[in-house]
Amino acid sequence: MAIIIKTPGEVEAMKAAGRLSAMVLREVGRHCKPGVSTLELDEIAETFIREHGGVPAFKGYGGFPGSICASVNEQIIHGIPSKDVVLQGGDIISIDTGAIVDGWVGDNAWTFAVGTVSPQKKRLLEVGEKCMWAGIEAAQVGNRLGDVGHAIQSVAEAAGYGVVREYVGHGIGRNMHEEPNVPNYGRKHRGIELLPGMVLAIEPMINQGTHRTRPMPDGWLVCTRDGKPSVHFEKTVAVTPDGPVLLTVEEDHLRPL
């Protein structure tokens, strides 16, 4: 499939889905507390999205049953919300969610601390977020996908962490997943050139230990091979002549970095 370049008007139109996606992610994050189940978080997300005029982007996508992916501790991505998964103090939880508004999709993720976490988990959270911002900053017209991946990989590996290889970011627009794939590792000046109008979901998945992963029997959940914690941060970003512009933000306007 070809990369779908968005016009400036289409980028502008995507901001409503991005804004709602950011709003719901923050709302779910506020409820990531000890004693709360991931199914409760999912119900909060779906209600919030629908009450604000959107449609959950994840629910039913490829058969996925939830409005969020909820992945705890060593779970990397695609955790199915469940009444049996109850948050405990000291956990970290990655929430990935998105909304559809007027046919456009917003997609974002964040890893939240549940109560007070260990210094090791706190550092992993800090570095994971830095990886995301490094990748976003590299999403400049004229750079290449390898520059984005290299920026992320450099921050992660300098901290001694593993970068997930098997799962990547992606283009996004009227479909959740569009071309191109956006790896979180790579070599400078390699890969597809970044052009104005590309819209990318940049989403590092960073492991405290090995980069190796372990898919689980339900066909969705993916965990770290060594059982160590993982974090996941994501924003939808437009590549523009003025630099990368965040779409999954709550402001009423597009905000360049």
C-alpha atoms as a PDB file:
ATOM      1  CA  MET A   1       0.000   0.000   0.000  1.00  0.00           C
ATOM      2  CA  ALA A   2       1.128   3.541  -0.722  1.00  0.00           C
ATOM      3  CA  ILE A   3       1.721   6.207   1.886  1.00  0.00           C
ATOM      4  CA  ILE A   4      -1.296   8.520   2.097  1.00  0.00           C
ATOM      5  CA  ILE A   5      -0.167  12.148   2.206  1.00  0.00           C
ATOM      6  CA  LYS A   6      -2.591  14.479   3.986  1.00  0.00           C
ATOM      7  CA  THR A   7      -3.316  17.992   2.809  1.00  0.00           C
ATOM      8  CA  PRO A   8      -2.994  20.830   5.329  1.00  0.00           C
ATOM      9  CA  GLY A   9      -6.792  20.826   5.561  1.00  0.00           C
ATOM     10  CA  GLU A  10      -6.853  17.127   6.313  1.00  0.00           C
ATOM     11  CA  VAL A  11      -4.180  17.524   8.982  1.00  0.00           C
ATOM     12  CA  GLU A  12      -6.344  20.259  10.484  1.00  0.00           C
ATOM     13  CA  ALA A  13      -9.372  17.954  10.353  1.00  0.00           C
ATOM     14  CA  MET A  14      -7.484  15.238  12.254  1.00  0.00           C
ATOM     15  CA  LYS A  15      -7.053  17.459  15.298  1.00  0.00           C
ATOM     16  CA  ALA A  16     -10.549  16.697  16.661  1.00  0.00           C
ATOM     17  CA  ALA A  17      -9.838  12.962  16.819  1.00  0.00           C
ATOM     18  CA  GLY A  18      -6.410  13.678  18.246  1.00  0.00           C
ATOM     19  CA  ARG A  19      -7.764  15.996  20.895  1.00  0.00           C
ATOM     20  CA  LEU A  20     -10.402  13.513  22.033  1.00  0.00           C
ATOM     21  CA  SER A  21      -7.830  10.714  22.080  1.00  0.00           C
ATOM     22  CA  ALA A  22      -5.609  12.831  24.339  1.00  0.00           C
ATOM     23  CA  MET A  23      -8.521  13.739  26.594  1.00  0.00           C
ATOM     24  CA  VAL A  24      -9.587  10.145  27.124  1.00  0.00           C
ATOM     25  CA  LEU A  25      -6.029   9.008  27.764  1.00  0.00           C
ATOM     26  CA  ARG A  26      -5.683  11.612  30.519  1.00  0.00           C
ATOM     27  CA  GLU A  27      -9.066  10.674  31.956  1.00  0.00           C
ATOM     28  CA  VAL A  28      -8.156   6.991  32.134  1.00  0.00           C
ATOM     29  CA  GLY A  29      -4.785   7.878  33.626  1.00  0.00           C
ATOM     30  CA  ARG A  30      -6.517   9.700  36.490  1.00  0.00           C
ATOM     31  CA  HIS A  31      -8.203   6.424  37.443  1.00  0.00           C
ATOM     32  CA  CYS A  32      -5.082   4.243  37.391  1.00  0.00           C
ATOM     33  CA  LYS A  33      -5.119   3.643  41.126  1.00  0.00           C
ATOM     34  CA  PRO A  34      -4.747   0.613  43.404  1.00  0.00           C
ATOM     35  CA  GLY A  35      -7.888  -1.516  43.497  1.00  0.00           C
ATOM     36  CA  VAL A  36      -9.167  -0.506  40.061  1.00  0.00           C
ATOM     37  CA  SER A  37      -9.565  -3.237  37.439  1.00  0.00           C
ATOM     38  CA  THR A  38      -8.506  -2.785  33.847  1.00  0.00           C
ATOM     39  CA  LEU A  39     -12.091  -3.522  32.798  1.00  0.00           C
ATOM     40  CA  GLU A  40     -13.239  -0.529  34.845  1.00  0.00           C
ATOM     41  CA  LEU A  41     -10.670   1.596  33.032  1.00  0.00           C
ATOM     42  CA  ASP A  42     -11.995   0.329  29.718  1.00  0.00           C
ATOM     43  CA  GLU A  43     -15.562   1.253  30.659  1.00  0.00           C
ATOM     44  CA  ILE A  44     -14.422   4.748  31.664  1.00  0.00           C
ATOM     45  CA  ALA A  45     -12.709   5.160  28.291  1.00  0.00           C
ATOM     46  CA  GLU A  46     -15.619   3.992  26.170  1.00  0.00           C
ATOM     47  CA  THR A  47     -18.136   6.120  28.056  1.00  0.00           C
ATOM     48  CA  PHE A  48     -15.914   9.194  27.798  1.00  0.00           C
ATOM     49  CA  ILE A  49     -15.301   8.793  24.074  1.00  0.00           C
ATOM     50  CA  ARG A  50     -18.967   8.306  23.234  1.00  0.00           C
ATOM     51  CA  GLU A  51     -20.132  11.141  25.491  1.00  0.00           C
ATOM     52  CA  HIS A  52     -17.759  13.468  23.649  1.00  0.00           C
ATOM     53  CA  GLY A  53     -19.040  12.539  20.201  1.00  0.00           C
ATOM     54  CA  GLY A  54     -16.452   9.976  19.169  1.00  0.00           C
ATOM     55  CA  VAL A  55     -16.283   6.266  18.496  1.00  0.00           C
ATOM     56  CA  PRO A  56     -13.693   4.049  20.226  1.00  0.00           C
ATOM     57  CA  ALA A  57     -11.059   3.334  17.580  1.00  0.00           C
ATOM     58  CA  PHE A  58      -9.909   0.098  19.146  1.00  0.00           C
ATOM     59  CA  LYS A  59     -13.183  -1.651  19.957  1.00  0.00           C
ATOM     60  CA  GLY A  60     -13.770  -4.373  17.393  1.00  0.00           C
ATOM     61  CA  TYR A  61     -10.588  -3.503  15.470  1.00  0.00           C
ATOM     62  CA  GLY A  62      -9.350  -6.854  14.202  1.00  0.00           C
ATOM     63  CA  GLY A  63     -11.675  -8.411  16.756  1.00  0.00           C
ATOM     64  CA  PHE A  64     -10.136  -6.646  19.764  1.00  0.00           C
ATOM     65  CA  PRO A  65     -12.786  -6.511  22.513  1.00  0.00           C
ATOM     66  CA  GLY A  66     -11.774  -3.353  24.386  1.00  0.00           C
ATOM     67  CA  SER A  67     -11.665   0.404  23.947  1.00  0.00           C
ATOM     68  CA  ILE A  68      -8.200   0.462  25.499  1.00  0.00           C
ATOM     69  CA  CYS A  69      -5.201  -1.815  25.579  1.00  0.00           C
ATOM     70  CA  ALA A  70      -4.162  -2.182  29.219  1.00  0.00           C
ATOM     71  CA  SER A  71      -0.719  -3.718  29.744  1.00  0.00           C
ATOM     72  CA  VAL A  72       0.678  -4.067  33.284  1.00  0.00           C
ATOM     73  CA  ASN A  73       4.346  -4.308  34.315  1.00  0.00           C
ATOM     74  CA  GLU A  74       6.048  -6.883  32.048  1.00  0.00           C
ATOM     75  CA  GLN A  75       3.168  -6.700  29.560  1.00  0.00           C
ATOM     76  CA  ILE A  76       4.295  -4.637  26.578  1.00  0.00           C
ATOM     77  CA  ILE A  77       1.168  -4.084  24.472  1.00  0.00           C
ATOM     78  CA  HIS A  78      -2.338  -5.270  23.610  1.00  0.00           C
ATOM     79  CA  GLY A  79      -3.487  -6.310  27.070  1.00  0.00           C
ATOM     80  CA  ILE A  80      -7.219  -7.110  26.986  1.00  0.00           C
ATOM     81  CA  PRO A  81      -9.134  -5.288  29.754  1.00  0.00           C
ATOM     82  CA  SER A  82     -10.347  -7.688  32.424  1.00  0.00           C
ATOM     83  CA  LYS A  83     -12.205  -7.602  35.739  1.00  0.00           C
ATOM     84  CA  ASP A  84      -9.596 -10.069  36.992  1.00  0.00           C
ATOM     85  CA  VAL A  85      -6.648  -7.707  36.462  1.00  0.00           C
ATOM     86  CA  VAL A  86      -6.719  -5.351  39.450  1.00  0.00           C
ATOM     87  CA  LEU A  87      -4.052  -2.682  39.834  1.00  0.00           C
ATOM     88  CA  GLN A  88      -1.738  -2.802  42.825  1.00  0.00           C
ATOM     89  CA  GLY A  89       0.425  -0.066  44.273  1.00  0.00           C
ATOM     90  CA  GLY A  90       3.836  -0.137  42.608  1.00  0.00           C
ATOM     91  CA  ASP A  91       2.522  -1.338  39.251  1.00  0.00           C
ATOM     92  CA  ILE A  92       3.025   0.484  36.002  1.00  0.00           C
ATOM     93  CA  ILE A  93       0.311   0.281  33.355  1.00  0.00           C
ATOM     94  CA  SER A  94       0.493   1.162  29.684  1.00  0.00           C
ATOM     95  CA  ILE A  95      -2.785   2.506  28.333  1.00  0.00           C
ATOM     96  CA  ASP A  96      -3.158   2.661  24.552  1.00  0.00           C
ATOM     97  CA  THR A  97      -6.365   4.151  23.215  1.00  0.00           C
ATOM     98  CA  GLY A  98      -7.836   6.222  20.445  1.00  0.00           C
ATOM     99  CA  ALA A  99     -10.957   7.790  19.049  1.00  0.00           C
ATOM    100  CA  ILE A 100     -12.578   8.247  15.664  1.00  0.00           C
ATOM    101  CA  VAL A 101     -14.129  11.646  14.929  1.00  0.00           C
ATOM    102  CA  ASP A 102     -15.569  12.513  11.512  1.00  0.00           C
ATOM    103  CA  GLY A 103     -13.846   9.463  10.040  1.00  0.00           C
ATOM    104  CA  TRP A 104     -10.357  10.413  11.252  1.00  0.00           C
ATOM    105  CA  VAL A 105      -8.442   8.370  13.806  1.00  0.00           C
ATOM    106  CA  GLY A 106      -6.365   9.556  16.757  1.00  0.00           C
ATOM    107  CA  ASP A 107      -4.040   7.128  18.518  1.00  0.00           C
ATOM    108  CA  ASN A 108      -1.943   7.608  21.640  1.00  0.00           C
ATOM    109  CA  ALA A 109      -0.496   5.764  24.613  1.00  0.00           C
ATOM    110  CA  TRP A 110       1.102   6.498  27.969  1.00  0.00           C
ATOM    111  CA  THR A 111       2.509   4.418  30.798  1.00  0.00           C
ATOM    112  CA  PHE A 112       1.259   5.464  34.215  1.00  0.00           C
ATOM    113  CA  ALA A 113       2.617   4.783  37.688  1.00  0.00           C
ATOM    114  CA  VAL A 114       0.110   3.225  40.094  1.00  0.00           C
ATOM    115  CA  GLY A 115       0.803   4.780  43.465  1.00  0.00           C
ATOM    116  CA  THR A 116       4.494   4.899  44.355  1.00  0.00           C
ATOM    117  CA  VAL A 117       6.750   2.852  42.103  1.00  0.00           C
ATOM    118  CA  SER A 118      10.313   1.653  42.577  1.00  0.00           C
ATOM    119  CA  PRO A 119      13.227   3.850  41.502  1.00  0.00           C
ATOM    120  CA  GLN A 120      13.931   1.354  38.723  1.00  0.00           C
ATOM    121  CA  LYS A 121      10.426   1.688  37.300  1.00  0.00           C
ATOM    122  CA  LYS A 122      10.485   5.463  37.716  1.00  0.00           C
ATOM    123  CA  ARG A 123      13.682   5.663  35.669  1.00  0.00           C
ATOM    124  CA  LEU A 124      12.211   3.401  32.998  1.00  0.00           C
ATOM    125  CA  LEU A 125       9.172   5.688  32.760  1.00  0.00           C
ATOM    126  CA  GLU A 126      11.366   8.754  32.419  1.00  0.00           C
ATOM    127  CA  VAL A 127      13.589   7.247  29.739  1.00  0.00           C
ATOM    128  CA  GLY A 128      10.638   5.806  27.807  1.00  0.00           C
ATOM    129  CA  GLU A 129       9.035   9.236  27.576  1.00  0.00           C
ATOM    130  CA  LYS A 130      12.367  10.767  26.501  1.00  0.00           C
ATOM    131  CA  CYS A 131      12.566   8.160  23.740  1.00  0.00           C
ATOM    132  CA  MET A 132       9.187   9.256  22.410  1.00  0.00           C
ATOM    133  CA  TRP A 133      10.142  12.936  22.377  1.00  0.00           C
ATOM    134  CA  ALA A 134      13.432  12.137  20.669  1.00  0.00           C
ATOM    135  CA  GLY A 135      11.593  10.273  17.932  1.00  0.00           C
ATOM    136  CA  ILE A 136       9.095  13.089  17.497  1.00  0.00           C
ATOM    137  CA  GLU A 137      11.841  15.699  17.267  1.00  0.00           C
ATOM    138  CA  ALA A 138      13.448  13.662  14.469  1.00  0.00           C
ATOM    139  CA  ALA A 139      10.215  13.663  12.429  1.00  0.00           C
ATOM    140  CA  GLN A 140      11.409  16.561  10.262  1.00  0.00           C
ATOM    141  CA  VAL A 141      10.842  17.094   6.559  1.00  0.00           C
ATOM    142  CA  GLY A 142      13.854  15.702   4.721  1.00  0.00           C
ATOM    143  CA  ASN A 143      14.826  13.278   7.453  1.00  0.00           C
ATOM    144  CA  ARG A 144      14.211   9.583   6.978  1.00  0.00           C
ATOM    145  CA  LEU A 145      12.444   6.938   9.007  1.00  0.00           C
ATOM    146  CA  GLY A 146      15.831   5.654  10.108  1.00  0.00           C
ATOM    147  CA  ASP A 147      16.485   9.000  11.782  1.00  0.00           C
ATOM    148  CA  VAL A 148      13.341   8.604  13.901  1.00  0.00           C
ATOM    149  CA  GLY A 149      14.223   5.047  14.899  1.00  0.00           C
ATOM    150  CA  HIS A 150      17.850   5.930  15.546  1.00  0.00           C
ATOM    151  CA  ALA A 151      16.865   8.805  17.843  1.00  0.00           C
ATOM    152  CA  ILE A 152      14.648   6.514  19.912  1.00  0.00           C
ATOM    153  CA  GLN A 153      17.126   3.641  19.998  1.00  0.00           C
ATOM    154  CA  SER A 154      20.006   5.887  21.020  1.00  0.00           C
ATOM    155  CA  VAL A 155      18.212   7.206  24.101  1.00  0.00           C
ATOM    156  CA  ALA A 156      16.995   3.772  25.161  1.00  0.00           C
ATOM    157  CA  GLU A 157      20.232   1.883  24.703  1.00  0.00           C
ATOM    158  CA  ALA A 158      22.297   4.628  26.349  1.00  0.00           C
ATOM    159  CA  ALA A 159      20.206   3.923  29.451  1.00  0.00           C
ATOM    160  CA  GLY A 160      20.787   0.171  29.147  1.00  0.00           C
ATOM    161  CA  TYR A 161      17.285  -0.681  27.964  1.00  0.00           C
ATOM    162  CA  GLY A 162      15.970  -2.893  25.178  1.00  0.00           C
ATOM    163  CA  VAL A 163      13.993  -1.575  22.202  1.00  0.00           C
ATOM    164  CA  VAL A 164      11.171  -3.811  20.986  1.00  0.00           C
ATOM    165  CA  ARG A 165      11.706  -4.818  17.355  1.00  0.00           C
ATOM    166  CA  GLU A 166       8.669  -6.876  16.403  1.00  0.00           C
ATOM    167  CA  TYR A 167       6.095  -4.120  17.006  1.00  0.00           C
ATOM    168  CA  VAL A 168       6.372  -0.639  15.525  1.00  0.00           C
ATOM    169  CA  GLY A 169       4.665   2.682  15.000  1.00  0.00           C
ATOM    170  CA  HIS A 170       2.708   3.390  11.841  1.00  0.00           C
ATOM    171  CA  GLY A 171       1.059   5.842   9.528  1.00  0.00           C
ATOM    172  CA  ILE A 172      -2.454   6.893  10.504  1.00  0.00           C
ATOM    173  CA  GLY A 173      -5.359   8.787   8.984  1.00  0.00           C
ATOM    174  CA  ARG A 174      -8.781   7.482   8.088  1.00  0.00           C
ATOM    175  CA  ASN A 175      -7.423   4.059   8.993  1.00  0.00           C
ATOM    176  CA  MET A 176      -5.785   3.131  12.266  1.00  0.00           C
ATOM    177  CA  HIS A 177      -2.818   1.538  10.540  1.00  0.00           C
ATOM    178  CA  GLU A 178      -1.495   2.962   7.303  1.00  0.00           C
ATOM    179  CA  GLU A 179       1.887   2.914   5.604  1.00  0.00           C
ATOM    180  CA  PRO A 180       4.652   3.355   6.547  1.00  0.00           C
ATOM    181  CA  ASN A 181       5.743   1.229   9.460  1.00  0.00           C
ATOM    182  CA  VAL A 182       7.780   3.319  11.925  1.00  0.00           C
ATOM    183  CA  PRO A 183      10.400   1.171  13.699  1.00  0.00           C
ATOM    184  CA  ASN A 184      11.800   2.334  17.029  1.00  0.00           C
ATOM    185  CA  TYR A 185      15.318   1.446  15.956  1.00  0.00           C
ATOM    186  CA  GLY A 186      17.325   2.204  12.848  1.00  0.00           C
ATOM    187  CA  ARG A 187      20.254   3.877  11.166  1.00  0.00           C
ATOM    188  CA  LYS A 188      20.561   7.556  10.372  1.00  0.00           C
ATOM    189  CA  HIS A 189      19.742   8.682   6.828  1.00  0.00           C
ATOM    190  CA  ARG A 190      18.196   5.316   5.937  1.00  0.00           C
ATOM    191  CA  GLY A 191      14.653   4.431   4.966  1.00  0.00           C
ATOM    192  CA  ILE A 192      11.748   6.373   3.508  1.00  0.00           C
ATOM    193  CA  GLU A 193      12.131  10.144   3.281  1.00  0.00           C
ATOM    194  CA  LEU A 194       9.749  12.119   5.478  1.00  0.00           C
ATOM    195  CA  LEU A 195       7.523  14.425   3.433  1.00  0.00           C
ATOM    196  CA  PRO A 196       5.083  17.177   4.402  1.00  0.00           C
ATOM    197  CA  GLY A 197       1.654  15.695   5.052  1.00  0.00           C
ATOM    198  CA  MET A 198       2.806  12.379   6.457  1.00  0.00           C
ATOM    199  CA  VAL A 199       1.008  11.596   9.708  1.00  0.00           C
ATOM    200  CA  LEU A 200       2.700   9.078  11.968  1.00  0.00           C
ATOM    201  CA  ALA A 201       1.961   7.328  15.225  1.00  0.00           C
ATOM    202  CA  ILE A 202       5.364   7.373  16.926  1.00  0.00           C
ATOM    203  CA  GLU A 203       5.299   4.841  19.757  1.00  0.00           C
ATOM    204  CA  PRO A 204       8.432   3.519  21.446  1.00  0.00           C
ATOM    205  CA  MET A 205       8.087   0.294  23.436  1.00  0.00           C
ATOM    206  CA  ILE A 206      11.056   0.134  25.783  1.00  0.00           C
ATOM    207  CA  ASN A 207      11.971  -2.815  28.018  1.00  0.00           C
ATOM    208  CA  GLN A 208      13.983  -2.689  31.214  1.00  0.00           C
ATOM    209  CA  GLY A 209      15.800  -5.833  30.116  1.00  0.00           C
ATOM    210  CA  THR A 210      16.036  -7.695  26.836  1.00  0.00           C
ATOM    211  CA  HIS A 211      14.275  -6.410  23.729  1.00  0.00           C
ATOM    212  CA  ARG A 212      12.924  -9.909  23.139  1.00  0.00           C
ATOM    213  CA  THR A 213       9.193 -10.469  23.402  1.00  0.00           C
ATOM    214  CA  ARG A 214       6.803 -13.288  24.189  1.00  0.00           C
ATOM    215  CA  PRO A 215       3.342 -13.374  22.546  1.00  0.00           C
ATOM    216  CA  MET A 216       0.683 -14.844  24.817  1.00  0.00           C
ATOM    217  CA  PRO A 217      -1.878 -17.541  23.963  1.00  0.00           C
ATOM    218  CA  ASP A 218      -4.833 -15.148  23.661  1.00  0.00           C
ATOM    219  CA  GLY A 219      -3.334 -13.872  20.403  1.00  0.00           C
ATOM    220  CA  TRP A 220      -3.174 -10.269  21.613  1.00  0.00           C
ATOM    221  CA  LEU A 221      -1.070  -9.724  24.720  1.00  0.00           C
ATOM    222  CA  VAL A 222       2.701  -9.463  24.291  1.00  0.00           C
ATOM    223  CA  CYS A 223       5.082  -9.655  27.272  1.00  0.00           C
ATOM    224  CA  THR A 224       8.809  -9.253  27.754  1.00  0.00           C
ATOM    225  CA  ARG A 225      10.734 -12.475  27.315  1.00  0.00           C
ATOM    226  CA  ASP A 226      12.590 -12.032  30.626  1.00  0.00           C
ATOM    227  CA  GLY A 227       9.615 -10.850  32.699  1.00  0.00           C
ATOM    228  CA  LYS A 228      11.059  -7.392  33.337  1.00  0.00           C
ATOM    229  CA  PRO A 229       8.882  -4.266  33.058  1.00  0.00           C
ATOM    230  CA  SER A 230       8.161  -2.426  29.821  1.00  0.00           C
ATOM    231  CA  VAL A 231       6.818   1.034  28.967  1.00  0.00           C
ATOM    232  CA  HIS A 232       4.948   2.381  25.951  1.00  0.00           C
ATOM    233  CA  PHE A 233       4.525   6.033  24.947  1.00  0.00           C
ATOM    234  CA  GLU A 234       2.806   7.253  21.780  1.00  0.00           C
ATOM    235  CA  LYS A 235       1.570  10.384  20.051  1.00  0.00           C
ATOM    236  CA  THR A 236       0.086  11.034  16.627  1.00  0.00           C
ATOM    237  CA  VAL A 237       2.360  13.495  14.814  1.00  0.00           C
ATOM    238  CA  ALA A 238       2.069  15.378  11.524  1.00  0.00           C
ATOM    239  CA  VAL A 239       5.218  16.053   9.506  1.00  0.00           C
ATOM    240  CA  THR A 240       5.065  19.682   8.332  1.00  0.00           C
ATOM    241  CA  PRO A 241       7.435  22.261   6.820  1.00  0.00           C
ATOM    242  CA  ASP A 242       7.393  24.001  10.216  1.00  0.00           C
ATOM    243  CA  GLY A 243       8.456  20.862  12.062  1.00  0.00           C
ATOM    244  CA  PRO A 244       6.577  18.021  13.748  1.00  0.00           C
ATOM    245  CA  VAL A 245       3.112  18.947  14.988  1.00  0.00           C
ATOM    246  CA  LEU A 246       1.410  16.977  17.747  1.00  0.00           C
ATOM    247  CA  LEU A 247      -2.185  16.010  16.970  1.00  0.00           C
ATOM    248  CA  THR A 248      -2.968  14.071  20.148  1.00  0.00           C
ATOM    249  CA  VAL A 249      -3.030  17.125  22.413  1.00  0.00           C
ATOM    250  CA  GLU A 250      -5.904  18.714  24.274  1.00  0.00           C
ATOM    251  CA  GLU A 251      -5.498  22.289  23.063  1.00  0.00           C
ATOM    252  CA  ASP A 252      -7.898  23.699  20.481  1.00  0.00           C
ATOM    253  CA  HIS A 253      -5.101  24.299  18.016  1.00  0.00           C
ATOM    254  CA  LEU A 254      -2.204  22.388  16.552  1.00  0.00           C
ATOM    255  CA  ARG A 255       0.877  22.895  18.665  1.00  0.00           C
ATOM    256  CA  PRO A 256       4.311  22.555  17.111  1.00  0.00           C
ATOM    257  CA  LEU A 257       7.102  21.441  19.410  1.00  0.00           C
END
